[in-house]
Amino acid sequence: MSIPVSVITGFLGSGKTTLLSRLLRHPELSETAVVINEFGEVGLDHLLVEASEDSIVELGTGCLCCTIRDDLAMTLGDLLARRDRGEIPQFRRVVIETSGLADPAPILHVLMADAALAERLSLDTVITTVDAVNGLGTLDEHVEAVKQAAVADTLLITKCDLAAAEAARLEARLRTLNPAAEIHSVAHGDLAPERLFSRTAYSIGSRPVEVGRWLEEERRHDATGHAHDVNRHDDRIRAFCLERNEPVSAVAFSLFLETLAEHCGPDLLRVKGIVEIAENPGRPAVVHGVQHVFHPPEWLDDWPGQDRKTRFVFITRDIPEQWVATLLELLDDEARETSARLARRGPTKRQEKLRER
């Protein structure tokens, strides 16, 4: 019996990783191998997904351009070989989480057309997350988002609690774009697996006509094998990572996110970070942001890996890396100097009276 493969796609910040992490908590998905692709050479998603480390593979090939054919095929082939040798658990399902900038057509082409993989794996379902807050604008500006929605069996509208009115307009747009897809609203990735995975094999027959054309173009496309910068999507969109060995003060952390959202919002396509806060050592904060919206930090009980450095991973449009790095450094330096200056002044009279009581 072939092993089903499910693809979770969706534009940057639409909730793919949150959905995947929640799904993997269900017992029925305990025997699942996970392939995670992130845009850029430094990723965090593979650390934040709650699953056995042995069952997660990080596919770091950038934005999934023409090189995805070989890379994805080799990754899946290696997973199967390790399974056969008993080096990893006997998984019964594969889930691929794509980069938010990924064109899904090359991925589907590999899964549907690679003869060697077809003997062992079968494409089961394609799930696309769409952000209610930014979804309409994203569909207008990014052709990748349109393709991601059009190929889906199931469309999940996320963050409806933040934009109820926009969610209704977005659903109408999605029904026009992909009339055959099931559409669900989902909060914080909370959805029962049977609503996503209990279906027959994926078929392009009920998808919009453009899907067949995109796959045919992939079939005819001759991979050039050109060198590809994994940190650059086009001339304007790129990824970079800020790392710090020292903790960040809570004040600087808050001001940093506020300043980015206020001054860079539309071009701040994605921010993910795992941050050591000076006032809360040993319990890193996980931050997620998309354009103007930053979610409240999630506090972990411990670091998810051996690397305990603070890391911010950015995907931006026309935002210089050095400007962002300098902003964080200046804010943190100023916050520390202010704290030290206040400490030298000693307690106020009011604080002294409170202590006496």
Protein backbone atom coordinates (compact mmCIF):
# COMPACT_ATOMS: atom_id res chain seq x y z
CA MET A 1 0.00 0.00 0.00
CA SER A 2 1.37 3.41 -0.94
CA ILE A 3 2.12 6.01 1.72
CA PRO A 4 -0.09 9.13 1.45
CA VAL A 5 1.63 12.50 1.08
CA SER A 6 -0.10 15.71 2.11
CA VAL A 7 1.09 19.19 1.19
CA ILE A 8 0.44 22.17 3.45
CA THR A 9 1.03 25.43 1.63
CA GLY A 10 0.01 29.07 2.02
CA PHE A 11 1.63 32.48 1.86
CA LEU A 12 4.00 33.90 4.44
CA GLY A 13 2.48 34.22 7.89
CA SER A 14 -0.78 32.47 7.05
CA GLY A 15 -0.47 29.89 9.82
CA LYS A 16 1.06 26.78 8.21
CA THR A 17 3.44 25.96 11.04
CA THR A 18 0.82 26.57 13.72
CA LEU A 19 -1.59 24.27 11.89
CA LEU A 20 1.02 21.55 11.43
CA SER A 21 2.15 21.67 15.05
CA ARG A 22 -1.43 21.34 16.29
CA LEU A 23 -2.23 18.50 13.89
CA LEU A 24 0.79 16.50 15.00
CA ARG A 25 -0.49 16.48 18.57
CA HIS A 26 -3.33 14.17 17.51
CA PRO A 27 -2.63 10.46 18.11
CA GLU A 28 -3.79 9.51 14.61
CA LEU A 29 -0.90 11.52 13.13
CA SER A 30 1.76 10.14 15.46
CA GLU A 31 3.30 8.06 12.66
CA THR A 32 3.98 11.00 10.37
CA ALA A 33 7.21 12.11 8.68
CA VAL A 34 7.47 15.86 8.18
CA VAL A 35 9.41 17.68 5.46
CA ILE A 36 9.73 21.42 6.12
CA ASN A 37 11.00 23.87 3.53
CA GLU A 38 11.90 27.40 4.56
CA PHE A 39 12.99 30.34 2.43
CA GLY A 40 16.53 31.35 3.36
CA GLU A 41 19.55 29.56 4.75
CA VAL A 42 18.46 29.85 8.40
CA GLY A 43 15.14 28.37 9.47
CA LEU A 44 13.17 28.09 12.72
CA ASP A 45 10.04 26.17 11.77
CA HIS A 46 11.67 22.77 12.23
CA LEU A 47 12.45 23.74 15.85
CA LEU A 48 8.93 24.95 16.60
CA VAL A 49 6.94 22.01 15.20
CA GLU A 50 6.02 19.58 17.96
CA ALA A 51 7.08 16.19 16.64
CA SER A 52 9.80 13.62 17.10
CA GLU A 53 13.15 14.99 15.87
CA ASP A 54 13.72 11.72 14.01
CA SER A 55 10.65 12.33 11.85
CA ILE A 56 11.44 15.89 10.73
CA VAL A 57 13.57 16.77 7.70
CA GLU A 58 14.47 20.38 6.92
CA LEU A 59 14.57 20.99 3.16
CA GLY A 60 16.59 24.19 2.84
CA THR A 61 16.40 24.94 -0.88
CA GLY A 62 15.22 28.52 -0.70
CA CYS A 63 12.10 29.51 -2.60
CA LEU A 64 11.54 26.18 -4.39
CA CYS A 65 12.49 27.28 -7.88
CA CYS A 66 13.46 24.76 -10.56
CA THR A 67 15.89 23.00 -8.19
CA ILE A 68 12.96 21.60 -6.18
CA ARG A 69 12.56 18.67 -8.57
CA ASP A 70 15.84 17.07 -7.60
CA ASP A 71 15.93 18.24 -3.99
CA LEU A 72 12.44 17.11 -3.04
CA ALA A 73 12.75 13.81 -4.88
CA MET A 74 16.09 13.10 -3.20
CA THR A 75 14.73 14.05 0.24
CA LEU A 76 11.70 11.78 -0.08
CA GLY A 77 13.80 8.96 -1.51
CA ASP A 78 16.21 9.26 1.42
CA LEU A 79 13.32 9.22 3.90
CA LEU A 80 12.03 5.98 2.40
CA ALA A 81 15.49 4.41 2.43
CA ARG A 82 16.03 5.32 6.10
CA ARG A 83 12.59 3.91 6.91
CA ASP A 84 13.45 0.65 5.14
CA ARG A 85 16.72 0.36 7.07
CA GLY A 86 14.96 0.96 10.39
CA GLU A 87 16.89 4.16 11.09
CA ILE A 88 13.71 6.17 11.63
CA PRO A 89 10.20 5.15 12.79
CA GLN A 90 7.91 3.36 10.33
CA PHE A 91 5.94 6.44 9.31
CA ARG A 92 2.58 5.92 7.62
CA ARG A 93 2.12 9.44 6.25
CA VAL A 94 4.32 12.23 4.91
CA VAL A 95 3.43 15.90 5.35
CA ILE A 96 5.32 18.56 3.37
CA GLU A 97 5.14 22.14 4.64
CA THR A 98 6.24 24.48 1.87
CA SER A 99 7.88 27.85 2.07
CA GLY A 100 5.37 30.70 2.05
CA LEU A 101 6.89 31.96 -1.19
CA ALA A 102 6.65 28.59 -2.92
CA ASP A 103 5.01 28.08 -6.28
CA PRO A 104 3.18 24.80 -5.58
CA ALA A 105 3.25 23.55 -9.17
CA PRO A 106 6.81 22.14 -9.10
CA ILE A 107 6.06 20.33 -5.83
CA LEU A 108 2.89 18.72 -7.14
CA HIS A 109 4.66 17.81 -10.38
CA VAL A 110 7.35 15.89 -8.50
CA LEU A 111 4.80 14.02 -6.40
CA MET A 112 2.60 13.14 -9.37
CA ALA A 113 5.18 12.49 -12.09
CA ASP A 114 8.29 10.96 -10.48
CA ALA A 115 8.07 7.27 -11.39
CA ALA A 116 10.33 6.04 -8.59
CA LEU A 117 8.40 7.91 -5.91
CA ALA A 118 5.04 6.88 -7.36
CA GLU A 119 5.80 3.25 -6.51
CA ARG A 120 5.85 4.09 -2.80
CA LEU A 121 4.09 7.44 -2.33
CA SER A 122 0.80 8.96 -3.49
CA LEU A 123 -0.35 12.57 -3.31
CA ASP A 124 -3.27 12.59 -0.92
CA THR A 125 -4.37 16.15 -0.34
CA VAL A 126 -3.28 19.77 -0.68
CA ILE A 127 -4.17 22.12 2.17
CA THR A 128 -3.75 25.88 1.80
CA THR A 129 -3.88 28.39 4.64
CA VAL A 130 -5.01 31.94 3.85
CA ASP A 131 -4.66 34.80 6.32
CA ALA A 132 -7.91 36.76 6.86
CA VAL A 133 -6.00 39.90 7.86
CA ASN A 134 -3.76 40.13 4.78
CA GLY A 135 -5.22 37.53 2.42
CA LEU A 136 -7.04 39.79 -0.03
CA GLY A 137 -4.04 42.06 -0.49
CA THR A 138 -1.72 39.07 -0.80
CA LEU A 139 -3.84 37.56 -3.59
CA ASP A 140 -3.70 40.89 -5.43
CA GLU A 141 0.08 41.28 -5.13
CA HIS A 142 1.57 37.78 -5.25
CA VAL A 143 0.91 35.22 -7.98
CA GLU A 144 2.29 32.49 -5.71
CA ALA A 145 -0.63 33.05 -3.32
CA VAL A 146 -3.13 32.68 -6.18
CA LYS A 147 -1.55 29.39 -7.23
CA GLN A 148 -1.48 28.12 -3.66
CA ALA A 149 -5.21 28.75 -3.33
CA ALA A 150 -6.11 27.35 -6.75
CA VAL A 151 -4.44 23.95 -6.27
CA ALA A 152 -5.99 23.22 -2.87
CA ASP A 153 -8.44 20.51 -1.88
CA THR A 154 -9.04 22.39 1.34
CA LEU A 155 -8.71 26.12 2.01
CA LEU A 156 -8.33 27.21 5.63
CA ILE A 157 -9.05 30.84 6.48
CA THR A 158 -6.96 31.74 9.52
CA LYS A 159 -7.00 34.69 11.96
CA CYS A 160 -10.74 35.26 11.52
CA ASP A 161 -10.83 36.51 15.11
CA LEU A 162 -8.70 39.46 14.02
CA ALA A 163 -10.64 40.35 10.86
CA ALA A 164 -14.18 38.94 10.77
CA ALA A 165 -15.43 41.29 8.06
CA GLU A 166 -12.40 40.69 5.86
CA ALA A 167 -12.80 36.93 6.34
CA ALA A 168 -16.23 36.99 4.70
CA ARG A 169 -14.91 38.92 1.69
CA LEU A 170 -11.92 36.61 1.47
CA GLU A 171 -14.10 33.51 1.45
CA ALA A 172 -16.12 34.89 -1.45
CA ARG A 173 -12.90 35.57 -3.37
CA LEU A 174 -11.60 32.08 -2.69
CA ARG A 175 -14.86 30.44 -3.81
CA THR A 176 -14.52 32.24 -7.12
CA LEU A 177 -10.88 31.24 -7.44
CA ASN A 178 -11.37 27.57 -6.47
CA PRO A 179 -15.07 26.59 -6.43
CA ALA A 180 -14.48 22.88 -5.70
CA ALA A 181 -12.35 23.31 -2.59
CA GLU A 182 -13.70 22.86 0.91
CA ILE A 183 -13.35 26.04 2.95
CA HIS A 184 -13.08 26.13 6.73
CA SER A 185 -12.36 28.87 9.22
CA VAL A 186 -9.74 27.86 11.75
CA ALA A 187 -8.46 29.54 14.90
CA HIS A 188 -4.91 28.92 16.11
CA GLY A 189 -4.58 25.84 13.91
CA ASP A 190 -7.23 23.95 15.86
CA LEU A 191 -8.84 21.49 13.42
CA ALA A 192 -9.49 17.76 13.65
CA PRO A 193 -7.28 15.72 11.25
CA GLU A 194 -10.24 13.80 9.84
CA ARG A 195 -11.55 17.04 8.34
CA LEU A 196 -8.38 17.27 6.25
CA PHE A 197 -6.98 13.83 5.56
CA SER A 198 -9.91 11.42 5.18
CA ARG A 199 -10.27 11.74 1.40
CA THR A 200 -9.39 9.98 -1.86
CA ALA A 201 -6.21 10.64 -3.83
CA TYR A 202 -5.58 14.16 -5.13
CA SER A 203 -6.98 14.88 -8.58
CA ILE A 204 -6.64 17.93 -10.77
CA GLY A 205 -9.95 17.13 -12.48
CA SER A 206 -11.99 19.33 -10.14
CA ARG A 207 -9.38 22.08 -9.84
CA PRO A 208 -9.50 25.26 -11.95
CA VAL A 209 -8.31 24.80 -15.53
CA GLU A 210 -5.17 26.84 -14.83
CA VAL A 211 -3.88 24.11 -12.52
CA GLY A 212 -3.62 21.64 -15.36
CA ARG A 213 -1.80 24.24 -17.45
CA TRP A 214 0.69 24.97 -14.67
CA LEU A 215 1.46 21.27 -14.26
CA GLU A 216 1.86 20.84 -18.00
CA GLU A 217 4.34 23.72 -18.01
CA GLU A 218 6.27 21.95 -15.27
CA ARG A 219 6.32 18.75 -17.30
CA ARG A 220 7.86 20.57 -20.24
CA HIS A 221 10.19 22.70 -18.22
CA ASP A 222 13.87 21.81 -18.53
CA ALA A 223 15.61 22.46 -15.22
CA THR A 224 18.60 24.68 -15.94
CA GLY A 225 20.62 23.73 -12.87
CA HIS A 226 21.65 27.36 -12.36
CA ALA A 227 23.19 28.49 -9.12
CA HIS A 228 20.48 29.89 -6.86
CA ASP A 229 20.77 32.25 -3.92
CA VAL A 230 18.63 30.62 -1.22
CA ASN A 231 18.22 33.98 0.52
CA ARG A 232 16.81 35.84 -2.50
CA HIS A 233 13.40 35.32 -4.09
CA ASP A 234 13.62 38.15 -6.63
CA ASP A 235 15.27 41.56 -6.90
CA ARG A 236 13.22 42.93 -3.99
CA ILE A 237 12.33 40.05 -1.66
CA ARG A 238 15.04 38.42 0.42
CA ALA A 239 15.61 36.62 3.71
CA PHE A 240 18.13 37.33 6.43
CA CYS A 241 18.75 36.31 10.02
CA LEU A 242 19.83 38.41 13.02
CA GLU A 243 21.61 36.50 15.76
CA ARG A 244 22.68 37.65 19.23
CA ASN A 245 24.57 35.85 21.96
CA GLU A 246 23.41 38.34 24.59
CA PRO A 247 19.82 38.52 25.89
CA VAL A 248 17.55 41.32 24.69
CA SER A 249 15.95 43.60 27.27
CA ALA A 250 12.16 43.41 27.45
CA VAL A 251 11.79 47.13 26.70
CA ALA A 252 14.03 46.95 23.63
CA PHE A 253 12.23 43.84 22.41
CA SER A 254 8.85 45.58 22.59
CA LEU A 255 10.10 48.81 20.97
CA PHE A 256 11.86 46.86 18.23
CA LEU A 257 8.65 45.11 17.15
CA GLU A 258 6.58 48.29 17.43
CA THR A 259 9.04 50.26 15.30
CA LEU A 260 9.19 47.58 12.62
CA ALA A 261 5.40 47.34 12.38
CA GLU A 262 4.95 51.12 12.26
CA HIS A 263 7.68 51.98 9.76
CA CYS A 264 8.04 48.84 7.63
CA GLY A 265 4.61 47.19 7.82
CA PRO A 266 3.70 46.47 4.17
CA ASP A 267 7.24 45.32 3.33
CA LEU A 268 7.67 43.17 6.41
CA LEU A 269 6.47 39.97 4.78
CA ARG A 270 7.40 37.67 7.64
CA VAL A 271 9.23 37.73 10.96
CA LYS A 272 9.87 34.74 13.18
CA GLY A 273 12.09 34.79 16.21
CA ILE A 274 13.17 32.87 19.25
CA VAL A 275 14.46 35.37 21.78
CA GLU A 276 16.25 35.28 25.12
CA ILE A 277 14.70 38.06 27.22
CA ALA A 278 17.05 39.41 29.90
CA GLU A 279 14.29 39.66 32.52
CA ASN A 280 13.08 36.09 31.92
CA PRO A 281 16.19 33.91 31.47
CA GLY A 282 15.90 30.31 30.34
CA ARG A 283 12.37 30.71 28.94
CA PRO A 284 12.72 31.98 25.37
CA ALA A 285 9.99 34.00 23.71
CA VAL A 286 8.72 32.94 20.29
CA VAL A 287 7.54 35.84 18.14
CA HIS A 288 5.53 35.78 14.90
CA GLY A 289 4.78 38.83 12.79
CA VAL A 290 3.32 39.62 9.37
CA GLN A 291 3.32 43.17 8.05
CA HIS A 292 1.61 45.36 10.68
CA VAL A 293 0.51 42.48 12.91
CA PHE A 294 2.65 40.90 15.64
CA HIS A 295 1.10 38.24 17.82
CA PRO A 296 1.73 38.16 21.58
CA PRO A 297 4.92 36.22 22.29
CA GLU A 298 4.65 32.57 23.25
CA TRP A 299 6.88 31.57 26.15
CA LEU A 300 8.64 28.21 25.98
CA ASP A 301 9.63 26.27 29.09
CA ASP A 302 13.06 25.63 27.59
CA TRP A 303 15.03 26.02 24.38
CA PRO A 304 13.97 23.57 21.67
CA GLY A 305 17.56 22.77 20.67
CA GLN A 306 21.19 23.10 21.72
CA ASP A 307 21.60 26.52 20.10
CA ARG A 308 20.50 29.11 22.65
CA LYS A 309 21.25 32.23 20.66
CA THR A 310 18.54 34.78 19.98
CA ARG A 311 17.51 34.52 16.32
CA PHE A 312 15.18 36.68 14.23
CA VAL A 313 14.46 35.39 10.72
CA PHE A 314 13.14 38.07 8.35
CA ILE A 315 11.60 37.90 4.91
CA THR A 316 11.34 41.45 3.64
CA ARG A 317 10.82 43.59 0.58
CA ASP A 318 13.28 46.46 0.10
CA ILE A 319 14.30 46.59 3.78
CA PRO A 320 18.09 46.71 4.33
CA GLU A 321 19.39 44.07 6.72
CA GLN A 322 21.86 46.51 8.26
CA TRP A 323 19.09 48.97 9.13
CA VAL A 324 17.19 46.30 11.05
CA ALA A 325 20.34 45.09 12.84
CA THR A 326 21.31 48.64 13.83
CA LEU A 327 17.79 49.37 15.10
CA LEU A 328 17.85 46.39 17.46
CA GLU A 329 21.34 47.22 18.70
CA LEU A 330 20.56 50.89 19.37
CA LEU A 331 17.28 50.16 21.16
CA ASP A 332 18.87 47.51 23.37
CA ASP A 333 21.85 49.73 24.24
CA GLU A 334 19.54 52.64 25.12
CA ALA A 335 17.28 50.43 27.26
CA ARG A 336 20.27 49.07 29.22
CA GLU A 337 21.76 52.55 29.75
CA THR A 338 18.41 53.87 31.00
CA SER A 339 18.00 50.97 33.41
CA ALA A 340 21.51 51.47 34.76
CA ARG A 341 20.95 55.21 35.18
CA LEU A 342 17.72 54.66 37.09
CA ALA A 343 19.39 52.07 39.29
CA ARG A 344 22.16 54.54 40.23
CA ARG A 345 19.58 57.07 41.37
CA GLY A 346 18.30 54.67 44.00
CA PRO A 347 14.69 54.29 45.17
CA THR A 348 12.28 57.22 45.22
CA LYS A 349 10.80 58.50 48.48
CA ARG A 350 7.54 56.74 47.64
CA GLN A 351 9.37 53.44 47.13
CA GLU A 352 11.21 53.92 50.45
CA LYS A 353 7.93 54.49 52.31
CA LEU A 354 6.43 51.37 50.73
CA ARG A 355 9.43 49.36 51.86
CA GLU A 356 9.10 50.68 55.43
CA ARG A 357 5.53 49.41 55.54
